[in-house]
Structure formats: C-alpha cells, structure tokens
Amino acid sequence: MIVTDHFVYIHVSRTGGTFLNKLIMNHVPGARMLQYHGHLRDLPERFSHLPVISFVRNPWDWYVSMYCDYRRKRQFVYQILSDRDSLDFEATVTRFLNLGDGSSKSRRLLQQLTLLAPKVIDAQKPARNHLPGLRSQHFANYPAGIGYYTWLFRLMFESERDHQVRFGRFENLRKDALRLFEETGMPITRGISSYLEAARPLNASSRPSTFVGGYIPELEQLVADKDRYLIERFGYEFSEAYKYPKTDYFKPLGSANVEALVERVQNIPESAWESENEAKPNKIAQLNDTRHIMFRFVTNSDNVFDFSDHPVLWNEWKDVLLPVMEQAAEKLGYTDYRFPRVMLARLPAGGEISAHSDGDASQHIHKVHVPLITNEKTLFRVGRQEMHMPVGEMIEVNNKRVHAARNGGATDRIHLIFECYNAKDYGKPD
C-alpha cells in the first residue's frame, strides 16, 4: 500500500504491482510505502479522504500467473496447497479454488495455513518475508463458496470506512494507469509518461505459452463458478486470457462444395491410408487410432510458419483442396493467407481422440475442420462445448483450448483439417 498526495495504491498480488510500485515510488513526489500488499482496512484515518486505485486481472489468467510465480518463489500458501510442489497445475489450482468448500482436506489445509502464516505483519521488515500480506486470522476466517482470488480481492478492499476505489485492468496496465492518475488529479510528468511508454514489465511469470489453454473443461468451469464475482463485476471471459485472439469455442465459416473432394476420398485405397499414416510426422498418443494422410506439414516444430509439401500428394490433390481452403481463409478476412498444415484425419467407428491442447501453432494460427464423411454420433468437444459437425461445414476450432473427439457411430469419420494464418497481420513474427 502506497500513499501519495493524490491517491492511495493497493497492490493485489499478480496484477502488475511490481511495475506500478516502481513507477509510483520513483516518479510520484511524496510517495510513501506504508506496507507491501497492505489492506485497505489498515489505511490510517488521516489518508481516508484520498481516492484509492488498484488493478484486477482475468481470473483464469490470474491462476496461471499465480501458480508459476508462487511456485518459483516457494511462496508459503503455494507450498501448503501443492503439497510442497508435488501436485501439478490442475490439482494445485483446484485446491486454491475449493479452499472454502468445508471438506476435511480443505479444513486441514486451512489449519496448516493458519499455523504457518504470521500473526502480525511488521511493515518495517522486507516485504518478501510476508508475501502476500496474509495473517493467521485471515485463514482462520476463510469464507465458503468463493475462489482464492475472489477471497483475496475482497479481503484487500474490506474497510469500515467508505472509500472511492477505482480499478484498472491488468490487460491494459499502462493505459489504465495513466487514466487512473489523471482521474485522481495526479499531474502527468515527463518521468511518468516515459516510464509508462518504455519501461519493461517487471516480475512477469515465466510459463509455457499454451498454459492458459491447458485448462481442462472442469477446471475452467470451476474458475467460472468460484470467481463469478470478479468475472461478472469486471466483464471477463475465458477467451480474453489468450495472448492471441481466437474464437471462443467454434466458429462456423459457412458451407463448402465438397462433392469432388468426397469422391476422391472415397477412392483412397486402404493400403494408402496405412502407408501414409505410418509415415506421418504427428504421432502423438492423444490421437490414438486416428489415421492421417498429410499433404503439407511444418518443416520444424519450432517454427510454425514454414512448411513443405508432400512431394507427390499435394500436386495430386491441390485442385480439390485449395478451393475449400481459400474459401475458409477469405471468410476469416485474410488476403495474404498461408496453409502450413493440410491433412485428412480418419477417426474409426467407436474411436476417440483424447483431450489435449495443441502446441505453439495454436498461439498464432487458426485451425479449420471440414467434415467429408461423418455420422450423427460423431461429436467434437472444445472446452465446455460439444457439437456435431455436418458434412461440408467449415468450422474453426479453438485448438489452444483442450479439445477432444469421439466417433460413437458405426462408420469412420473423415475430416479435412488445415491451419491458416495471414502473413500480413496475424501472428507472423517480424
């Protein structure tokens, strides 16, 4: 908690506070640190007339950042809830979300936290000794029915006095910081402007780019339920946690004429399916018994934009593939499109593709499915939504999210699958 002549800043964990603390302490005259991660109820009476500013973050993204940062720092709450770092992301975050569910497990964890947390926080000691500013009594009075982030957020702003509190969004940190300063009457100096324009992020969590999409549907829903207060108050959606814009679940791109393509597929001999599948580069366990014929694939998994054609098949098939692919690319609004992966995928009757999220390509590239041969009992699931894809419908799927498929019918399902990006303006590195 920092006090200035114009406002009070409350630092909620994992909302850009290190960056903002440095900005305020170095560039706002008269700024004083009262207590790192100090709570509003602890603000001295003589400062209660000042407006309060703070930041909030997308809850789904907040748990990812929290997990990665607290794990790196061996923060005491994380150490308890993760069983000393023996649990993975899913299990650990589930414990954070269910801490107030009244189960014997949660009660035991709260008892450990109550014993381990300090009874009093000495504001004169280095802040790192007491992150995230929580005391024994906080855990002893942990409420039911809300997620850890909602609990922490509410706890930070509880006060017996009425305060004027203004919030910015972590996702618009620099712009909203400037707005909040202006709203509180803080003069915008050259130092403040320069810092907001050029300073590098501080204390950013190091994490795989696919981490947010790695939420299994059940955990995604648990965040939606437990942190509904924050989600509804600030209008957050799961898709906003992504670095790159994607459709939330499925995006219909219209119907394509696939008659010629279907006829060609029906004439593929079994021997070709077997030999091409044996040679395919995407042999991952989650695909199970799905067979593929590859027309084009990336040349290096570390570079999702460069690709090469199958030496024979692409030239033989491009006359029936490209009209469908180009129609989808134009529906996406692309004018300078590329298709780094193009394939047929054959999911056998009774078969399934296990839940998974795609790799680096999912951060930059749209993935489109076009069913060629299917049945009504074949379903595709993305996150919490599931649908049957009709023949000829071009449908973008959010492959950054966990997705899966099941063929519950008596016939095989065959999809044309391709990835697409716009070289001019979408995801292509400079």
Protein backbone atom coordinates (compact mmCIF):
# COMPACT_ATOMS: atom_id res chain seq x y z
CA MET A 1 0.00 0.00 0.00
CA ILE A 2 1.47 3.30 -1.16
CA VAL A 3 0.19 6.73 -0.12
CA THR A 4 0.69 9.83 -2.26
CA ASP A 5 -0.71 13.36 -2.11
CA HIS A 6 -3.32 12.43 -4.72
CA PHE A 7 -4.21 8.76 -4.18
CA VAL A 8 -3.63 5.50 -2.32
CA TYR A 9 -2.44 2.48 -4.30
CA ILE A 10 -3.43 -1.05 -3.19
CA HIS A 11 -1.24 -3.79 -4.62
CA VAL A 12 -3.16 -7.02 -5.25
CA SER A 13 -0.81 -9.93 -5.96
CA ARG A 14 -0.15 -10.76 -9.66
CA THR A 15 -1.76 -7.62 -11.10
CA GLY A 16 1.32 -5.71 -12.23
CA GLY A 17 2.16 -4.39 -8.79
CA THR A 18 5.94 -4.57 -9.01
CA PHE A 19 5.83 -2.45 -12.17
CA LEU A 20 3.42 0.04 -10.59
CA ASN A 21 5.26 0.19 -7.27
CA LYS A 22 8.42 1.25 -9.06
CA LEU A 23 6.54 3.80 -11.14
CA ILE A 24 4.89 5.41 -8.12
CA MET A 25 7.84 5.29 -5.72
CA ASN A 26 10.30 6.67 -8.30
CA HIS A 27 8.14 9.17 -10.18
CA VAL A 28 5.34 10.39 -7.90
CA PRO A 29 6.58 13.09 -5.49
CA GLY A 30 5.99 12.33 -1.82
CA ALA A 31 5.05 8.68 -2.37
CA ARG A 32 5.43 6.55 0.77
CA MET A 33 5.25 2.79 1.12
CA LEU A 34 3.12 2.00 4.19
CA GLN A 35 3.05 -1.76 3.77
CA TYR A 36 3.73 -4.05 0.82
CA HIS A 37 0.42 -5.76 -0.10
CA GLY A 38 -1.23 -3.68 2.63
CA HIS A 39 -5.01 -3.94 3.01
CA LEU A 40 -7.38 -1.01 2.75
CA ARG A 41 -8.73 -1.57 6.28
CA ASP A 42 -5.21 -0.82 7.58
CA LEU A 43 -5.06 2.60 5.91
CA PRO A 44 -4.56 5.28 8.60
CA GLU A 45 -7.53 7.58 9.17
CA ARG A 46 -5.63 10.66 8.04
CA PHE A 47 -5.44 9.28 4.48
CA SER A 48 -9.04 8.07 4.23
CA HIS A 49 -10.11 11.09 2.16
CA LEU A 50 -7.83 10.06 -0.72
CA PRO A 51 -9.17 8.12 -3.70
CA VAL A 52 -7.92 4.55 -3.95
CA ILE A 53 -6.61 2.94 -7.13
CA SER A 54 -5.84 -0.69 -7.89
CA PHE A 55 -5.85 -3.31 -10.64
CA VAL A 56 -7.72 -6.51 -11.41
CA ARG A 57 -6.82 -9.41 -13.72
CA ASN A 58 -8.68 -12.04 -15.73
CA PRO A 59 -9.22 -14.82 -13.15
CA TRP A 60 -8.28 -17.68 -15.50
CA ASP A 61 -5.03 -15.91 -16.33
CA TRP A 62 -4.51 -14.89 -12.70
CA TYR A 63 -4.36 -18.51 -11.52
CA VAL A 64 -1.79 -19.35 -14.19
CA SER A 65 0.38 -16.38 -13.21
CA MET A 66 -0.08 -17.13 -9.52
CA TYR A 67 0.85 -20.79 -9.94
CA CYS A 68 4.01 -20.05 -11.93
CA ASP A 69 5.18 -17.15 -9.75
CA TYR A 70 4.37 -18.64 -6.34
CA ARG A 71 5.97 -21.90 -7.39
CA ARG A 72 9.18 -20.14 -8.41
CA LYS A 73 9.30 -18.16 -5.15
CA ARG A 74 8.21 -21.10 -2.97
CA GLN A 75 5.53 -18.85 -1.52
CA PHE A 76 4.13 -20.37 1.66
CA VAL A 77 0.48 -20.66 0.56
CA TYR A 78 1.55 -22.41 -2.62
CA GLN A 79 3.85 -24.74 -0.71
CA ILE A 80 1.00 -25.89 1.51
CA LEU A 81 -1.66 -26.25 -1.18
CA SER A 82 0.66 -28.01 -3.65
CA ASP A 83 1.95 -30.48 -1.05
CA ARG A 84 5.43 -28.96 -1.31
CA ASP A 85 5.31 -28.72 -5.11
CA SER A 86 4.32 -32.36 -5.61
CA LEU A 87 0.99 -31.54 -7.33
CA ASP A 88 0.54 -30.29 -10.89
CA PHE A 89 -1.24 -27.15 -12.08
CA GLU A 90 -4.69 -28.72 -12.25
CA ALA A 91 -4.57 -30.27 -8.78
CA THR A 92 -3.00 -27.23 -7.13
CA VAL A 93 -5.37 -24.65 -8.62
CA THR A 94 -8.33 -26.88 -7.76
CA ARG A 95 -7.24 -26.70 -4.13
CA PHE A 96 -6.98 -22.91 -4.31
CA LEU A 97 -10.50 -22.76 -5.73
CA ASN A 98 -12.02 -25.22 -3.25
CA LEU A 99 -10.28 -24.00 -0.12
CA GLY A 100 -13.56 -22.93 1.45
CA ASP A 101 -15.62 -25.98 0.48
CA GLY A 102 -15.71 -27.38 4.02
CA SER A 103 -14.17 -30.73 3.11
CA SER A 104 -11.81 -32.45 5.53
CA LYS A 105 -8.94 -31.85 3.07
CA SER A 106 -9.61 -28.11 2.87
CA ARG A 107 -10.04 -27.80 6.63
CA ARG A 108 -6.69 -29.49 7.13
CA LEU A 109 -5.01 -27.16 4.63
CA LEU A 110 -6.54 -24.09 6.29
CA GLN A 111 -5.28 -25.29 9.67
CA GLN A 112 -1.76 -25.56 8.27
CA LEU A 113 -2.00 -22.10 6.71
CA THR A 114 -3.33 -20.62 9.95
CA LEU A 115 -0.40 -22.07 11.87
CA LEU A 116 2.21 -21.05 9.30
CA ALA A 117 1.04 -17.53 8.48
CA PRO A 118 2.32 -14.70 10.68
CA LYS A 119 0.02 -13.36 13.39
CA VAL A 120 1.29 -9.85 12.80
CA ILE A 121 2.99 -8.32 9.78
CA ASP A 122 5.72 -5.84 10.55
CA ALA A 123 5.63 -3.22 7.82
CA GLN A 124 9.24 -2.33 8.57
CA LYS A 125 10.57 -5.75 7.53
CA PRO A 126 11.31 -6.65 3.90
CA ALA A 127 8.09 -7.39 2.07
CA ARG A 128 9.28 -10.70 0.63
CA ASN A 129 9.22 -12.26 4.10
CA HIS A 130 5.46 -11.91 4.29
CA LEU A 131 4.09 -12.25 0.77
CA PRO A 132 1.24 -12.00 0.03
CA GLY A 133 0.40 -9.90 3.12
CA LEU A 134 -1.78 -12.52 4.80
CA ARG A 135 -2.08 -13.24 8.51
CA SER A 136 -3.25 -16.21 10.54
CA GLN A 137 -6.64 -14.68 11.26
CA HIS A 138 -7.33 -14.36 7.54
CA PHE A 139 -7.09 -18.11 7.03
CA ALA A 140 -8.87 -18.88 10.28
CA ASN A 141 -11.89 -16.94 8.96
CA TYR A 142 -11.78 -18.21 5.38
CA PRO A 143 -15.29 -17.98 3.83
CA ALA A 144 -17.20 -20.65 1.92
CA GLY A 145 -18.22 -20.69 -1.71
CA ILE A 146 -15.67 -18.42 -3.40
CA GLY A 147 -12.33 -18.90 -5.13
CA TYR A 148 -9.00 -17.87 -3.65
CA TYR A 149 -8.60 -14.90 -5.99
CA THR A 150 -12.07 -13.54 -5.18
CA TRP A 151 -11.37 -14.04 -1.48
CA LEU A 152 -8.01 -12.25 -1.72
CA PHE A 153 -9.51 -9.41 -3.76
CA ARG A 154 -12.36 -8.84 -1.30
CA LEU A 155 -10.00 -9.09 1.65
CA MET A 156 -7.73 -6.40 0.23
CA PHE A 157 -10.59 -3.89 -0.01
CA GLU A 158 -12.61 -4.60 3.15
CA SER A 159 -12.89 -1.47 5.28
CA GLU A 160 -15.17 0.02 7.91
CA ARG A 161 -14.96 3.34 6.07
CA ASP A 162 -16.38 4.28 2.69
CA HIS A 163 -13.68 4.75 0.07
CA GLN A 164 -13.73 5.85 -3.52
CA VAL A 165 -11.99 2.92 -5.26
CA ARG A 166 -11.11 3.00 -8.95
CA PHE A 167 -9.87 -0.07 -10.83
CA GLY A 168 -7.78 -0.61 -13.91
CA ARG A 169 -7.43 -3.85 -15.82
CA PHE A 170 -4.07 -5.61 -15.82
CA GLU A 171 -4.62 -6.32 -19.52
CA ASN A 172 -4.49 -2.54 -20.18
CA LEU A 173 -1.95 -1.81 -17.46
CA ARG A 174 -0.09 1.17 -18.93
CA LYS A 175 -3.11 2.87 -20.46
CA ASP A 176 -5.26 2.37 -17.38
CA ALA A 177 -2.50 3.54 -15.02
CA LEU A 178 -2.36 6.82 -16.93
CA ARG A 179 -6.16 7.08 -16.81
CA LEU A 180 -6.29 6.46 -13.06
CA PHE A 181 -3.58 9.03 -12.39
CA GLU A 182 -5.50 11.63 -14.39
CA GLU A 183 -8.80 10.79 -12.67
CA THR A 184 -7.23 11.36 -9.25
CA GLY A 185 -5.73 14.70 -10.27
CA MET A 186 -2.17 13.42 -10.39
CA PRO A 187 -0.02 15.64 -12.68
CA ILE A 188 1.46 13.55 -15.50
CA THR A 189 5.16 14.36 -15.53
CA ARG A 190 7.69 13.52 -18.20
CA GLY A 191 9.06 10.80 -15.92
CA ILE A 192 5.65 9.14 -15.58
CA SER A 193 4.99 9.31 -19.32
CA SER A 194 8.41 7.94 -20.22
CA TYR A 195 8.11 5.09 -17.73
CA LEU A 196 4.69 4.03 -19.00
CA GLU A 197 5.86 4.21 -22.59
CA ALA A 198 9.20 2.43 -22.33
CA ALA A 199 9.71 0.55 -19.05
CA ARG A 200 9.91 -3.21 -19.32
CA PRO A 201 7.48 -5.47 -17.44
CA LEU A 202 8.72 -6.49 -14.01
CA ASN A 203 8.25 -9.76 -12.12
CA ALA A 204 6.46 -11.37 -15.07
CA SER A 205 5.70 -15.06 -14.58
CA SER A 206 7.61 -17.47 -16.78
CA ARG A 207 5.23 -20.02 -18.27
CA PRO A 208 4.57 -22.07 -21.39
CA SER A 209 2.57 -20.16 -23.99
CA THR A 210 -0.07 -22.90 -24.04
CA PHE A 211 -0.69 -22.85 -20.28
CA VAL A 212 -3.99 -20.97 -20.24
CA GLY A 213 -5.44 -23.12 -22.99
CA GLY A 214 -4.33 -26.13 -20.98
CA TYR A 215 -7.28 -25.71 -18.62
CA ILE A 216 -9.35 -28.88 -18.69
CA PRO A 217 -13.08 -28.09 -19.06
CA GLU A 218 -13.85 -29.00 -15.45
CA LEU A 219 -11.21 -26.61 -14.08
CA GLU A 220 -12.25 -23.85 -16.48
CA GLN A 221 -15.81 -24.21 -15.18
CA LEU A 222 -14.66 -24.28 -11.57
CA VAL A 223 -13.00 -20.88 -12.01
CA ALA A 224 -16.18 -19.59 -13.65
CA ASP A 225 -18.22 -20.76 -10.65
CA LYS A 226 -15.90 -19.82 -7.80
CA ASP A 227 -14.74 -16.46 -9.15
CA ARG A 228 -18.08 -15.41 -10.61
CA TYR A 229 -17.98 -12.23 -8.50
CA LEU A 230 -14.91 -10.91 -10.33
CA ILE A 231 -15.90 -12.28 -13.73
CA GLU A 232 -19.30 -10.59 -13.66
CA ARG A 233 -18.18 -7.37 -11.97
CA PHE A 234 -15.42 -6.70 -14.49
CA GLY A 235 -16.88 -8.48 -17.53
CA TYR A 236 -14.15 -11.06 -18.02
CA GLU A 237 -14.35 -14.02 -20.39
CA PHE A 238 -12.11 -17.03 -20.65
CA SER A 239 -11.00 -16.17 -24.19
CA GLU A 240 -9.54 -12.84 -23.02
CA ALA A 241 -6.82 -14.76 -21.19
CA TYR A 242 -5.26 -15.65 -24.55
CA LYS A 243 -2.28 -13.82 -25.95
CA TYR A 244 -3.66 -14.11 -29.48
CA PRO A 245 -7.32 -13.71 -30.48
CA LYS A 246 -9.13 -16.96 -31.11
CA THR A 247 -12.73 -17.97 -31.49
CA ASP A 248 -14.02 -18.92 -28.05
CA TYR A 249 -15.04 -22.48 -28.93
CA PHE A 250 -16.28 -23.00 -32.50
CA LYS A 251 -16.69 -20.52 -35.36
CA PRO A 252 -18.78 -21.55 -38.41
CA LEU A 253 -17.25 -20.24 -41.64
CA GLY A 254 -20.02 -21.33 -43.98
CA SER A 255 -20.60 -24.31 -46.27
CA ALA A 256 -18.24 -25.51 -48.97
CA ASN A 257 -18.91 -27.64 -52.04
CA VAL A 258 -17.00 -30.80 -51.14
CA GLU A 259 -18.54 -33.28 -53.61
CA ALA A 260 -15.40 -33.67 -55.71
CA LEU A 261 -13.24 -33.93 -52.60
CA VAL A 262 -15.51 -36.54 -51.02
CA GLU A 263 -15.48 -38.63 -54.18
CA ARG A 264 -11.69 -38.52 -54.24
CA VAL A 265 -11.51 -39.52 -50.56
CA GLN A 266 -13.86 -42.46 -51.07
CA ASN A 267 -11.45 -43.88 -53.67
CA ILE A 268 -8.39 -43.86 -51.40
CA PRO A 269 -7.28 -47.49 -51.01
CA GLU A 270 -6.73 -48.92 -47.54
CA SER A 271 -3.10 -49.53 -48.40
CA ALA A 272 -2.60 -45.79 -48.92
CA TRP A 273 -4.18 -44.99 -45.57
CA GLU A 274 -1.85 -47.47 -43.90
CA SER A 275 1.36 -46.39 -45.61
CA GLU A 276 0.76 -42.63 -45.31
CA ASN A 277 -0.30 -42.94 -41.69
CA GLU A 278 2.87 -44.86 -40.90
CA ALA A 279 4.95 -42.05 -42.36
CA LYS A 280 3.08 -39.14 -40.71
CA PRO A 281 5.07 -36.68 -38.53
CA ASN A 282 2.32 -36.04 -35.94
CA LYS A 283 2.49 -39.27 -33.97
CA ILE A 284 1.15 -38.21 -30.58
CA ALA A 285 -0.50 -40.52 -28.08
CA GLN A 286 -3.72 -38.48 -27.78
CA LEU A 287 -4.63 -39.22 -31.40
CA ASN A 288 -4.99 -42.90 -30.54
CA ASP A 289 -6.16 -44.87 -33.61
CA THR A 290 -6.78 -41.84 -35.82
CA ARG A 291 -5.11 -42.24 -39.21
CA HIS A 292 -3.82 -39.34 -41.30
CA ILE A 293 -2.80 -38.52 -44.82
CA MET A 294 -0.52 -35.50 -44.91
CA PHE A 295 -0.49 -33.12 -47.86
CA ARG A 296 1.56 -30.40 -46.16
CA PHE A 297 3.28 -30.03 -42.79
CA VAL A 298 5.60 -27.67 -40.92
CA THR A 299 9.28 -28.25 -41.59
CA ASN A 300 10.27 -27.69 -37.98
CA SER A 301 8.10 -27.84 -34.88
CA ASP A 302 9.99 -24.81 -33.50
CA ASN A 303 8.88 -22.71 -36.48
CA VAL A 304 5.15 -22.95 -37.02
CA PHE A 305 5.10 -20.74 -40.13
CA ASP A 306 7.42 -22.57 -42.53
CA PHE A 307 6.18 -25.70 -44.25
CA SER A 308 6.84 -28.16 -47.05
CA ASP A 309 4.56 -30.15 -49.35
CA HIS A 310 4.29 -33.89 -49.69
CA PRO A 311 6.42 -34.50 -52.80
CA VAL A 312 3.57 -36.20 -54.68
CA LEU A 313 0.24 -35.90 -52.90
CA TRP A 314 -0.02 -32.11 -52.74
CA ASN A 315 0.17 -31.73 -56.53
CA GLU A 316 -2.32 -34.56 -57.00
CA TRP A 317 -4.88 -33.13 -54.58
CA LYS A 318 -4.48 -29.36 -54.56
CA ASP A 319 -7.12 -28.85 -57.24
CA VAL A 320 -9.84 -30.13 -54.87
CA LEU A 321 -8.26 -28.90 -51.62
CA LEU A 322 -7.43 -25.27 -52.38
CA PRO A 323 -10.95 -24.07 -53.32
CA VAL A 324 -12.24 -25.15 -49.90
CA MET A 325 -9.23 -23.82 -48.01
CA GLU A 326 -9.22 -20.47 -49.78
CA GLN A 327 -12.94 -20.03 -49.14
CA ALA A 328 -12.34 -20.52 -45.41
CA ALA A 329 -9.35 -18.12 -45.40
CA GLU A 330 -11.44 -15.42 -47.06
CA LYS A 331 -14.21 -15.95 -44.51
CA LEU A 332 -11.57 -15.26 -41.84
CA GLY A 333 -10.89 -11.94 -43.60
CA TYR A 334 -7.44 -12.92 -44.82
CA THR A 335 -5.90 -11.59 -48.03
CA ASP A 336 -2.35 -12.92 -47.74
CA TYR A 337 -3.03 -16.36 -46.30
CA ARG A 338 -0.82 -19.41 -45.82
CA PHE A 339 -1.70 -23.03 -45.03
CA PRO A 340 1.21 -24.63 -43.15
CA ARG A 341 -0.57 -27.93 -42.33
CA VAL A 342 -3.10 -29.74 -44.53
CA MET A 343 -4.29 -33.29 -43.87
CA LEU A 344 -7.08 -35.83 -43.88
CA ALA A 345 -7.92 -37.34 -40.49
CA ARG A 346 -9.80 -40.64 -40.23
CA LEU A 347 -11.30 -41.42 -36.83
CA PRO A 348 -12.54 -45.03 -36.79
CA ALA A 349 -16.00 -46.09 -35.69
CA GLY A 350 -16.02 -46.25 -31.89
CA GLY A 351 -12.71 -44.39 -31.71
CA GLU A 352 -11.77 -41.24 -29.87
CA ILE A 353 -9.17 -38.51 -29.78
CA SER A 354 -8.14 -37.90 -26.17
CA ALA A 355 -8.38 -34.45 -24.59
CA HIS A 356 -5.35 -32.28 -25.41
CA SER A 357 -4.35 -28.78 -26.49
CA ASP A 358 -2.12 -28.12 -29.48
CA GLY A 359 1.42 -26.78 -29.30
CA ASP A 360 2.96 -23.50 -30.38
CA ALA A 361 0.94 -23.33 -33.59
CA SER A 362 -2.24 -22.79 -31.57
CA GLN A 363 -0.87 -19.43 -30.38
CA HIS A 364 -0.69 -17.98 -33.87
CA ILE A 365 -2.76 -19.97 -36.34
CA HIS A 366 -6.41 -20.73 -37.00
CA LYS A 367 -7.35 -24.41 -37.31
CA VAL A 368 -10.26 -25.36 -39.55
CA HIS A 369 -12.16 -28.67 -39.79
CA VAL A 370 -14.27 -29.61 -42.80
CA PRO A 371 -16.16 -32.92 -42.36
CA LEU A 372 -16.19 -35.03 -45.52
CA ILE A 373 -17.57 -38.33 -44.22
CA THR A 374 -19.25 -38.48 -40.83
CA ASN A 375 -22.25 -39.67 -38.84
CA GLU A 376 -24.58 -38.03 -36.33
CA LYS A 377 -22.95 -39.81 -33.39
CA THR A 378 -19.59 -38.17 -34.03
CA LEU A 379 -19.00 -35.27 -31.64
CA PHE A 380 -16.20 -32.73 -31.25
CA ARG A 381 -15.59 -31.02 -27.91
CA VAL A 382 -13.72 -27.76 -27.23
CA GLY A 383 -13.51 -26.71 -23.60
CA ARG A 384 -17.02 -26.90 -22.19
CA GLN A 385 -18.85 -27.04 -25.55
CA GLU A 386 -19.56 -30.01 -27.80
CA MET A 387 -21.05 -30.23 -31.27
CA HIS A 388 -21.62 -32.46 -34.28
CA MET A 389 -20.01 -31.09 -37.43
CA PRO A 390 -22.11 -31.66 -40.60
CA VAL A 391 -20.56 -32.59 -43.95
CA GLY A 392 -19.22 -29.62 -45.87
CA GLU A 393 -19.37 -27.13 -43.00
CA MET A 394 -16.13 -25.21 -42.50
CA ILE A 395 -15.65 -24.77 -38.76
CA GLU A 396 -12.77 -23.09 -36.97
CA VAL A 397 -11.96 -24.73 -33.63
CA ASN A 398 -10.06 -23.17 -30.77
CA ASN A 399 -7.16 -25.61 -30.63
CA LYS A 400 -5.50 -23.58 -27.89
CA ARG A 401 -8.16 -24.91 -25.58
CA VAL A 402 -8.34 -28.53 -24.52
CA HIS A 403 -10.28 -30.38 -27.22
CA ALA A 404 -11.29 -33.96 -27.99
CA ALA A 405 -13.46 -36.02 -30.34
CA ARG A 406 -15.43 -39.25 -30.23
CA ASN A 407 -16.96 -41.29 -33.03
CA GLY A 408 -19.90 -43.10 -31.49
CA GLY A 409 -21.24 -44.25 -34.83
CA ALA A 410 -20.80 -47.39 -36.92
CA THR A 411 -18.85 -45.71 -39.74
CA ASP A 412 -15.49 -43.96 -39.88
CA ARG A 413 -15.28 -40.16 -39.72
CA ILE A 414 -13.00 -38.32 -42.16
CA HIS A 415 -12.23 -34.60 -41.88
CA LEU A 416 -10.16 -32.26 -43.98
CA ILE A 417 -8.09 -30.34 -41.42
CA PHE A 418 -5.89 -27.38 -42.19
CA GLU A 419 -4.21 -24.48 -40.41
CA CYS A 420 -4.26 -20.96 -41.74
CA TYR A 421 -2.62 -17.64 -40.92
CA ASN A 422 -2.49 -14.22 -42.55
CA ALA A 423 1.14 -13.34 -43.24
CA LYS A 424 0.41 -9.60 -43.16
CA ASP A 425 -1.22 -9.16 -39.83
CA TYR A 426 -1.79 -12.26 -37.72
CA GLY A 427 0.79 -13.84 -35.51
CA LYS A 428 3.65 -13.74 -38.02
CA PRO A 429 6.84 -12.67 -36.16
CA ASP A 430 8.68 -9.64 -37.51
